[in-house]
PDB file of all heavy atoms in Angstrom:
ATOM      1  N   GLN A   1       0.540   2.493 -11.051  1.00  0.00           N
ATOM      2  CA  GLN A   1      -0.207   2.395  -9.796  1.00  0.00           C
ATOM      3  C   GLN A   1      -0.946   1.065  -9.648  1.00  0.00           C
ATOM      4  O   GLN A   1      -1.679   0.882  -8.687  1.00  0.00           O
ATOM      5  CB  GLN A   1      -1.178   3.569  -9.694  1.00  0.00           C
ATOM      6  CG  GLN A   1      -0.451   4.900  -9.588  1.00  0.00           C
ATOM      7  CD  GLN A   1      -1.281   6.103 -10.015  1.00  0.00           C
ATOM      8  OE1 GLN A   1      -2.321   5.991 -10.659  1.00  0.00           O
ATOM      9  NE2 GLN A   1      -0.796   7.289  -9.661  1.00  0.00           N
ATOM     10  N   GLY A   2      -0.760   0.162 -10.600  1.00  0.00           N
ATOM     11  CA  GLY A   2      -1.354  -1.165 -10.467  1.00  0.00           C
ATOM     12  C   GLY A   2      -2.439  -1.501 -11.468  1.00  0.00           C
ATOM     13  O   GLY A   2      -2.977  -2.601 -11.451  1.00  0.00           O
ATOM     14  N   GLY A   3      -2.801  -0.559 -12.327  1.00  0.00           N
ATOM     15  CA  GLY A   3      -3.830  -0.816 -13.324  1.00  0.00           C
ATOM     16  C   GLY A   3      -5.216  -0.910 -12.695  1.00  0.00           C
ATOM     17  O   GLY A   3      -5.392  -0.709 -11.494  1.00  0.00           O
ATOM     18  N   PRO A   4      -6.217  -1.223 -13.515  1.00  0.00           N
ATOM     19  CA  PRO A   4      -7.583  -1.355 -12.986  1.00  0.00           C
ATOM     20  C   PRO A   4      -7.654  -2.421 -11.896  1.00  0.00           C
ATOM     21  O   PRO A   4      -6.925  -3.415 -11.930  1.00  0.00           O
ATOM     22  CB  PRO A   4      -8.400  -1.778 -14.206  1.00  0.00           C
ATOM     23  CG  PRO A   4      -7.610  -1.300 -15.382  1.00  0.00           C
ATOM     24  CD  PRO A   4      -6.164  -1.427 -14.972  1.00  0.00           C
ATOM     25  N   MET A   5      -8.541  -2.194 -10.937  1.00  0.00           N
ATOM     26  CA  MET A   5      -8.707  -3.153  -9.835  1.00  0.00           C
ATOM     27  C   MET A   5      -9.277  -4.472 -10.329  1.00  0.00           C
ATOM     28  O   MET A   5     -10.036  -4.515 -11.300  1.00  0.00           O
ATOM     29  CB  MET A   5      -9.681  -2.588  -8.789  1.00  0.00           C
ATOM     30  CG  MET A   5      -9.135  -1.518  -7.946  1.00  0.00           C
ATOM     31  SD  MET A   5     -10.396  -1.060  -6.700  1.00  0.00           S
ATOM     32  CE  MET A   5      -9.419   0.043  -5.712  1.00  0.00           C
ATOM     33  N   MET A   6      -8.957  -5.505  -9.595  1.00  0.00           N
ATOM     34  CA  MET A   6      -9.575  -6.813  -9.789  1.00  0.00           C
ATOM     35  C   MET A   6     -10.874  -6.819  -8.972  1.00  0.00           C
ATOM     36  O   MET A   6     -11.032  -6.018  -8.047  1.00  0.00           O
ATOM     37  CB  MET A   6      -8.619  -7.914  -9.330  1.00  0.00           C
ATOM     38  CG  MET A   6      -7.279  -7.917 -10.065  1.00  0.00           C
ATOM     39  SD  MET A   6      -7.438  -8.043 -11.860  1.00  0.00           S
ATOM     40  CE  MET A   6      -7.989  -9.723 -12.029  1.00  0.00           C
ATOM     41  N   PRO A   7     -11.816  -7.729  -9.272  1.00  0.00           N
ATOM     42  CA  PRO A   7     -13.105  -7.734  -8.564  1.00  0.00           C
ATOM     43  C   PRO A   7     -12.989  -7.766  -7.035  1.00  0.00           C
ATOM     44  O   PRO A   7     -13.715  -7.046  -6.347  1.00  0.00           O
ATOM     45  CB  PRO A   7     -13.795  -8.992  -9.097  1.00  0.00           C
ATOM     46  CG  PRO A   7     -13.237  -9.142 -10.480  1.00  0.00           C
ATOM     47  CD  PRO A   7     -11.799  -8.706 -10.370  1.00  0.00           C
ATOM     48  N   GLY A   8     -12.094  -8.532  -6.492  1.00  0.00           N
ATOM     49  CA  GLY A   8     -11.929  -8.572  -5.036  1.00  0.00           C
ATOM     50  C   GLY A   8     -11.458  -7.245  -4.472  1.00  0.00           C
ATOM     51  O   GLY A   8     -11.874  -6.832  -3.384  1.00  0.00           O
ATOM     52  N   GLU A   9     -10.595  -6.561  -5.227  1.00  0.00           N
ATOM     53  CA  GLU A   9     -10.118  -5.241  -4.795  1.00  0.00           C
ATOM     54  C   GLU A   9     -11.263  -4.224  -4.811  1.00  0.00           C
ATOM     55  O   GLU A   9     -11.346  -3.376  -3.928  1.00  0.00           O
ATOM     56  CB  GLU A   9      -8.999  -4.748  -5.720  1.00  0.00           C
ATOM     57  CG  GLU A   9      -7.709  -5.530  -5.627  1.00  0.00           C
ATOM     58  CD  GLU A   9      -6.693  -5.047  -6.641  1.00  0.00           C
ATOM     59  OE1 GLU A   9      -6.978  -5.123  -7.860  1.00  0.00           O
ATOM     60  OE2 GLU A   9      -5.616  -4.587  -6.217  1.00  0.00           O
ATOM     61  N   VAL A  10     -12.141  -4.346  -5.808  1.00  0.00           N
ATOM     62  CA  VAL A  10     -13.298  -3.453  -5.892  1.00  0.00           C
ATOM     63  C   VAL A  10     -14.150  -3.596  -4.644  1.00  0.00           C
ATOM     64  O   VAL A  10     -14.527  -2.609  -4.008  1.00  0.00           O
ATOM     65  CB  VAL A  10     -14.131  -3.738  -7.168  1.00  0.00           C
ATOM     66  CG1 VAL A  10     -15.495  -3.069  -7.105  1.00  0.00           C
ATOM     67  CG2 VAL A  10     -13.365  -3.311  -8.417  1.00  0.00           C
ATOM     68  N   GLN A  11     -14.444  -4.814  -4.278  1.00  0.00           N
ATOM     69  CA  GLN A  11     -15.285  -5.065  -3.097  1.00  0.00           C
ATOM     70  C   GLN A  11     -14.629  -4.526  -1.831  1.00  0.00           C
ATOM     71  O   GLN A  11     -15.299  -3.936  -0.979  1.00  0.00           O
ATOM     72  CB  GLN A  11     -15.574  -6.556  -2.956  1.00  0.00           C
ATOM     73  CG  GLN A  11     -16.464  -7.089  -4.055  1.00  0.00           C
ATOM     74  CD  GLN A  11     -16.571  -8.605  -4.054  1.00  0.00           C
ATOM     75  OE1 GLN A  11     -15.765  -9.301  -3.442  1.00  0.00           O
ATOM     76  NE2 GLN A  11     -17.560  -9.111  -4.767  1.00  0.00           N
ATOM     77  N   GLU A  12     -13.334  -4.707  -1.686  1.00  0.00           N
ATOM     78  CA  GLU A  12     -12.633  -4.202  -0.504  1.00  0.00           C
ATOM     79  C   GLU A  12     -12.639  -2.678  -0.474  1.00  0.00           C
ATOM     80  O   GLU A  12     -12.855  -2.070   0.573  1.00  0.00           O
ATOM     81  CB  GLU A  12     -11.190  -4.718  -0.459  1.00  0.00           C
ATOM     82  CG  GLU A  12     -11.064  -6.130   0.059  1.00  0.00           C
ATOM     83  CD  GLU A  12     -11.637  -6.302   1.454  1.00  0.00           C
ATOM     84  OE1 GLU A  12     -11.269  -5.540   2.367  1.00  0.00           O
ATOM     85  OE2 GLU A  12     -12.488  -7.200   1.622  1.00  0.00           O
ATOM     86  N   PHE A  13     -12.406  -2.063  -1.615  1.00  0.00           N
ATOM     87  CA  PHE A  13     -12.382  -0.601  -1.676  1.00  0.00           C
ATOM     88  C   PHE A  13     -13.743  -0.016  -1.299  1.00  0.00           C
ATOM     89  O   PHE A  13     -13.822   0.983  -0.585  1.00  0.00           O
ATOM     90  CB  PHE A  13     -11.953  -0.141  -3.073  1.00  0.00           C
ATOM     91  CG  PHE A  13     -11.812   1.349  -3.196  1.00  0.00           C
ATOM     92  CD1 PHE A  13     -10.889   2.054  -2.443  1.00  0.00           C
ATOM     93  CD2 PHE A  13     -12.595   2.061  -4.094  1.00  0.00           C
ATOM     94  CE1 PHE A  13     -10.754   3.438  -2.561  1.00  0.00           C
ATOM     95  CE2 PHE A  13     -12.468   3.438  -4.222  1.00  0.00           C
ATOM     96  CZ  PHE A  13     -11.547   4.123  -3.456  1.00  0.00           C
ATOM     97  N   GLU A  14     -14.811  -0.639  -1.765  1.00  0.00           N
ATOM     98  CA  GLU A  14     -16.158  -0.145  -1.472  1.00  0.00           C
ATOM     99  C   GLU A  14     -16.502  -0.218   0.014  1.00  0.00           C
ATOM    100  O   GLU A  14     -17.437   0.444   0.464  1.00  0.00           O
ATOM    101  CB  GLU A  14     -17.192  -0.908  -2.297  1.00  0.00           C
ATOM    102  CG  GLU A  14     -17.126  -0.545  -3.767  1.00  0.00           C
ATOM    103  CD  GLU A  14     -18.020  -1.395  -4.644  1.00  0.00           C
ATOM    104  OE1 GLU A  14     -18.481  -2.480  -4.197  1.00  0.00           O
ATOM    105  OE2 GLU A  14     -18.276  -0.979  -5.793  1.00  0.00           O
ATOM    106  N   LYS A  15     -15.761  -0.959   0.790  1.00  0.00           N
ATOM    107  CA  LYS A  15     -15.986  -1.051   2.236  1.00  0.00           C
ATOM    108  C   LYS A  15     -15.334   0.103   3.003  1.00  0.00           C
ATOM    109  O   LYS A  15     -15.647   0.323   4.167  1.00  0.00           O
ATOM    110  CB  LYS A  15     -15.430  -2.372   2.778  1.00  0.00           C
ATOM    111  CG  LYS A  15     -16.175  -3.589   2.297  1.00  0.00           C
ATOM    112  CD  LYS A  15     -15.509  -4.849   2.832  1.00  0.00           C
ATOM    113  CE  LYS A  15     -16.141  -6.091   2.249  1.00  0.00           C
ATOM    114  NZ  LYS A  15     -15.424  -7.309   2.698  1.00  0.00           N
ATOM    115  N   HIS A  16     -14.432   0.813   2.350  1.00  0.00           N
ATOM    116  CA  HIS A  16     -13.714   1.891   3.031  1.00  0.00           C
ATOM    117  C   HIS A  16     -14.666   3.038   3.349  1.00  0.00           C
ATOM    118  O   HIS A  16     -15.494   3.421   2.520  1.00  0.00           O
ATOM    119  CB  HIS A  16     -12.558   2.404   2.169  1.00  0.00           C
ATOM    120  CG  HIS A  16     -11.567   3.194   2.943  1.00  0.00           C
ATOM    121  ND1 HIS A  16     -11.817   4.479   3.357  1.00  0.00           N
ATOM    122  CD2 HIS A  16     -10.340   2.889   3.395  1.00  0.00           C
ATOM    123  CE1 HIS A  16     -10.783   4.929   4.032  1.00  0.00           C
ATOM    124  NE2 HIS A  16      -9.866   3.980   4.069  1.00  0.00           N
ATOM    125  N   ARG A  17     -14.547   3.576   4.525  1.00  0.00           N
ATOM    126  CA  ARG A  17     -15.422   4.660   4.986  1.00  0.00           C
ATOM    127  C   ARG A  17     -15.438   5.848   4.017  1.00  0.00           C
ATOM    128  O   ARG A  17     -16.465   6.500   3.841  1.00  0.00           O
ATOM    129  CB  ARG A  17     -14.975   5.112   6.372  1.00  0.00           C
ATOM    130  CG  ARG A  17     -15.779   6.270   6.912  1.00  0.00           C
ATOM    131  CD  ARG A  17     -15.362   6.644   8.296  1.00  0.00           C
ATOM    132  NE  ARG A  17     -16.111   7.810   8.725  1.00  0.00           N
ATOM    133  CZ  ARG A  17     -15.876   8.451   9.838  1.00  0.00           C
ATOM    134  NH1 ARG A  17     -14.925   8.053  10.647  1.00  0.00           N
ATOM    135  NH2 ARG A  17     -16.589   9.503  10.153  1.00  0.00           N
ATOM    136  N   TYR A  18     -14.317   6.148   3.411  1.00  0.00           N
ATOM    137  CA  TYR A  18     -14.213   7.331   2.564  1.00  0.00           C
ATOM    138  C   TYR A  18     -14.146   7.009   1.074  1.00  0.00           C
ATOM    139  O   TYR A  18     -13.710   7.847   0.291  1.00  0.00           O
ATOM    140  CB  TYR A  18     -12.992   8.162   2.985  1.00  0.00           C
ATOM    141  CG  TYR A  18     -13.153   8.762   4.359  1.00  0.00           C
ATOM    142  CD1 TYR A  18     -12.534   8.188   5.464  1.00  0.00           C
ATOM    143  CD2 TYR A  18     -13.936   9.889   4.564  1.00  0.00           C
ATOM    144  CE1 TYR A  18     -12.684   8.729   6.729  1.00  0.00           C
ATOM    145  CE2 TYR A  18     -14.101  10.440   5.823  1.00  0.00           C
ATOM    146  CZ  TYR A  18     -13.478   9.856   6.905  1.00  0.00           C
ATOM    147  OH  TYR A  18     -13.631  10.386   8.151  1.00  0.00           O
ATOM    148  N   PHE A  19     -14.630   5.856   0.671  1.00  0.00           N
ATOM    149  CA  PHE A  19     -14.484   5.500  -0.743  1.00  0.00           C
ATOM    150  C   PHE A  19     -15.308   6.424  -1.646  1.00  0.00           C
ATOM    151  O   PHE A  19     -14.842   6.816  -2.717  1.00  0.00           O
ATOM    152  CB  PHE A  19     -14.761   4.006  -0.977  1.00  0.00           C
ATOM    153  CG  PHE A  19     -16.044   3.684  -1.679  1.00  0.00           C
ATOM    154  CD1 PHE A  19     -16.106   3.650  -3.058  1.00  0.00           C
ATOM    155  CD2 PHE A  19     -17.202   3.398  -0.960  1.00  0.00           C
ATOM    156  CE1 PHE A  19     -17.288   3.336  -3.712  1.00  0.00           C
ATOM    157  CE2 PHE A  19     -18.376   3.087  -1.601  1.00  0.00           C
ATOM    158  CZ  PHE A  19     -18.424   3.069  -2.985  1.00  0.00           C
ATOM    159  N   ARG A  20     -16.516   6.785  -1.245  1.00  0.00           N
ATOM    160  CA  ARG A  20     -17.336   7.674  -2.086  1.00  0.00           C
ATOM    161  C   ARG A  20     -16.681   9.040  -2.242  1.00  0.00           C
ATOM    162  O   ARG A  20     -16.685   9.622  -3.329  1.00  0.00           O
ATOM    163  CB  ARG A  20     -18.741   7.815  -1.499  1.00  0.00           C
ATOM    164  CG  ARG A  20     -19.612   6.607  -1.737  1.00  0.00           C
ATOM    165  CD  ARG A  20     -21.027   6.810  -1.212  1.00  0.00           C
ATOM    166  NE  ARG A  20     -21.874   5.679  -1.518  1.00  0.00           N
ATOM    167  CZ  ARG A  20     -21.895   4.549  -0.831  1.00  0.00           C
ATOM    168  NH1 ARG A  20     -21.110   4.391   0.221  1.00  0.00           N
ATOM    169  NH2 ARG A  20     -22.692   3.551  -1.190  1.00  0.00           N
ATOM    170  N   GLU A  21     -16.134   9.555  -1.150  1.00  0.00           N
ATOM    171  CA  GLU A  21     -15.455  10.844  -1.204  1.00  0.00           C
ATOM    172  C   GLU A  21     -14.222  10.769  -2.100  1.00  0.00           C
ATOM    173  O   GLU A  21     -13.932  11.694  -2.856  1.00  0.00           O
ATOM    174  CB  GLU A  21     -15.057  11.304   0.204  1.00  0.00           C
ATOM    175  CG  GLU A  21     -16.231  11.692   1.080  1.00  0.00           C
ATOM    176  CD  GLU A  21     -16.857  10.532   1.855  1.00  0.00           C
ATOM    177  OE1 GLU A  21     -16.590   9.346   1.522  1.00  0.00           O
ATOM    178  OE2 GLU A  21     -17.634  10.809   2.786  1.00  0.00           O
ATOM    179  N   ALA A  22     -13.515   9.656  -2.017  1.00  0.00           N
ATOM    180  CA  ALA A  22     -12.322   9.480  -2.861  1.00  0.00           C
ATOM    181  C   ALA A  22     -12.700   9.437  -4.338  1.00  0.00           C
ATOM    182  O   ALA A  22     -12.000  10.014  -5.180  1.00  0.00           O
ATOM    183  CB  ALA A  22     -11.580   8.208  -2.457  1.00  0.00           C
ATOM    184  N   VAL A  23     -13.793   8.773  -4.661  1.00  0.00           N
ATOM    185  CA  VAL A  23     -14.247   8.701  -6.054  1.00  0.00           C
ATOM    186  C   VAL A  23     -14.640  10.091  -6.547  1.00  0.00           C
ATOM    187  O   VAL A  23     -14.282  10.494  -7.663  1.00  0.00           O
ATOM    188  CB  VAL A  23     -15.401   7.686  -6.206  1.00  0.00           C
ATOM    189  CG1 VAL A  23     -16.068   7.803  -7.568  1.00  0.00           C
ATOM    190  CG2 VAL A  23     -14.878   6.266  -5.982  1.00  0.00           C
ATOM    191  N   GLN A  24     -15.353  10.848  -5.722  1.00  0.00           N
ATOM    192  CA  GLN A  24     -15.726  12.204  -6.118  1.00  0.00           C
ATOM    193  C   GLN A  24     -14.482  13.076  -6.311  1.00  0.00           C
ATOM    194  O   GLN A  24     -14.370  13.816  -7.280  1.00  0.00           O
ATOM    195  CB  GLN A  24     -16.652  12.845  -5.091  1.00  0.00           C
ATOM    196  CG  GLN A  24     -17.125  14.229  -5.502  1.00  0.00           C
ATOM    197  CD  GLN A  24     -17.838  14.237  -6.834  1.00  0.00           C
ATOM    198  OE1 GLN A  24     -18.883  13.614  -6.973  1.00  0.00           O
ATOM    199  NE2 GLN A  24     -17.288  14.911  -7.828  1.00  0.00           N
ATOM    200  N   LEU A  25     -13.543  12.970  -5.388  1.00  0.00           N
ATOM    201  CA  LEU A  25     -12.290  13.716  -5.500  1.00  0.00           C
ATOM    202  C   LEU A  25     -11.568  13.348  -6.790  1.00  0.00           C
ATOM    203  O   LEU A  25     -11.040  14.216  -7.501  1.00  0.00           O
ATOM    204  CB  LEU A  25     -11.409  13.452  -4.281  1.00  0.00           C
ATOM    205  CG  LEU A  25     -10.026  14.087  -4.271  1.00  0.00           C
ATOM    206  CD1 LEU A  25     -10.094  15.594  -4.457  1.00  0.00           C
ATOM    207  CD2 LEU A  25      -9.316  13.736  -2.975  1.00  0.00           C
ATOM    208  N   ARG A  26     -11.561  12.081  -7.118  1.00  0.00           N
ATOM    209  CA  ARG A  26     -10.911  11.622  -8.351  1.00  0.00           C
ATOM    210  C   ARG A  26     -11.532  12.268  -9.575  1.00  0.00           C
ATOM    211  O   ARG A  26     -10.845  12.671 -10.515  1.00  0.00           O
ATOM    212  CB  ARG A  26     -11.027  10.098  -8.449  1.00  0.00           C
ATOM    213  CG  ARG A  26     -10.368   9.527  -9.667  1.00  0.00           C
ATOM    214  CD  ARG A  26      -8.896   9.472  -9.457  1.00  0.00           C
ATOM    215  NE  ARG A  26      -8.188  10.138 -10.520  1.00  0.00           N
ATOM    216  CZ  ARG A  26      -6.885  10.368 -10.497  1.00  0.00           C
ATOM    217  NH1 ARG A  26      -6.161   9.999  -9.479  1.00  0.00           N
ATOM    218  NH2 ARG A  26      -6.295  10.960 -11.488  1.00  0.00           N
ATOM    219  N   ARG A  27     -12.842  12.365  -9.566  1.00  0.00           N
ATOM    220  CA  ARG A  27     -13.526  12.966 -10.727  1.00  0.00           C
ATOM    221  C   ARG A  27     -13.169  14.451 -10.861  1.00  0.00           C
ATOM    222  O   ARG A  27     -12.977  14.939 -11.975  1.00  0.00           O
ATOM    223  CB  ARG A  27     -15.026  12.740 -10.630  1.00  0.00           C
ATOM    224  CG  ARG A  27     -15.390  11.255 -10.800  1.00  0.00           C
ATOM    225  CD  ARG A  27     -16.858  11.055 -11.040  1.00  0.00           C
ATOM    226  NE  ARG A  27     -17.257   9.670 -11.094  1.00  0.00           N
ATOM    227  CZ  ARG A  27     -17.181   8.887 -12.167  1.00  0.00           C
ATOM    228  NH1 ARG A  27     -16.658   9.344 -13.287  1.00  0.00           N
ATOM    229  NH2 ARG A  27     -17.601   7.638 -12.116  1.00  0.00           N
TER     230      ARG A  27
END
């Protein structure tokens, strides 16, 4: 799936409206 994100990808992902929900779902 691409391995761990790079720093720029992290910043972009954190801008997504549903990123917190996705992280919780992942857990």
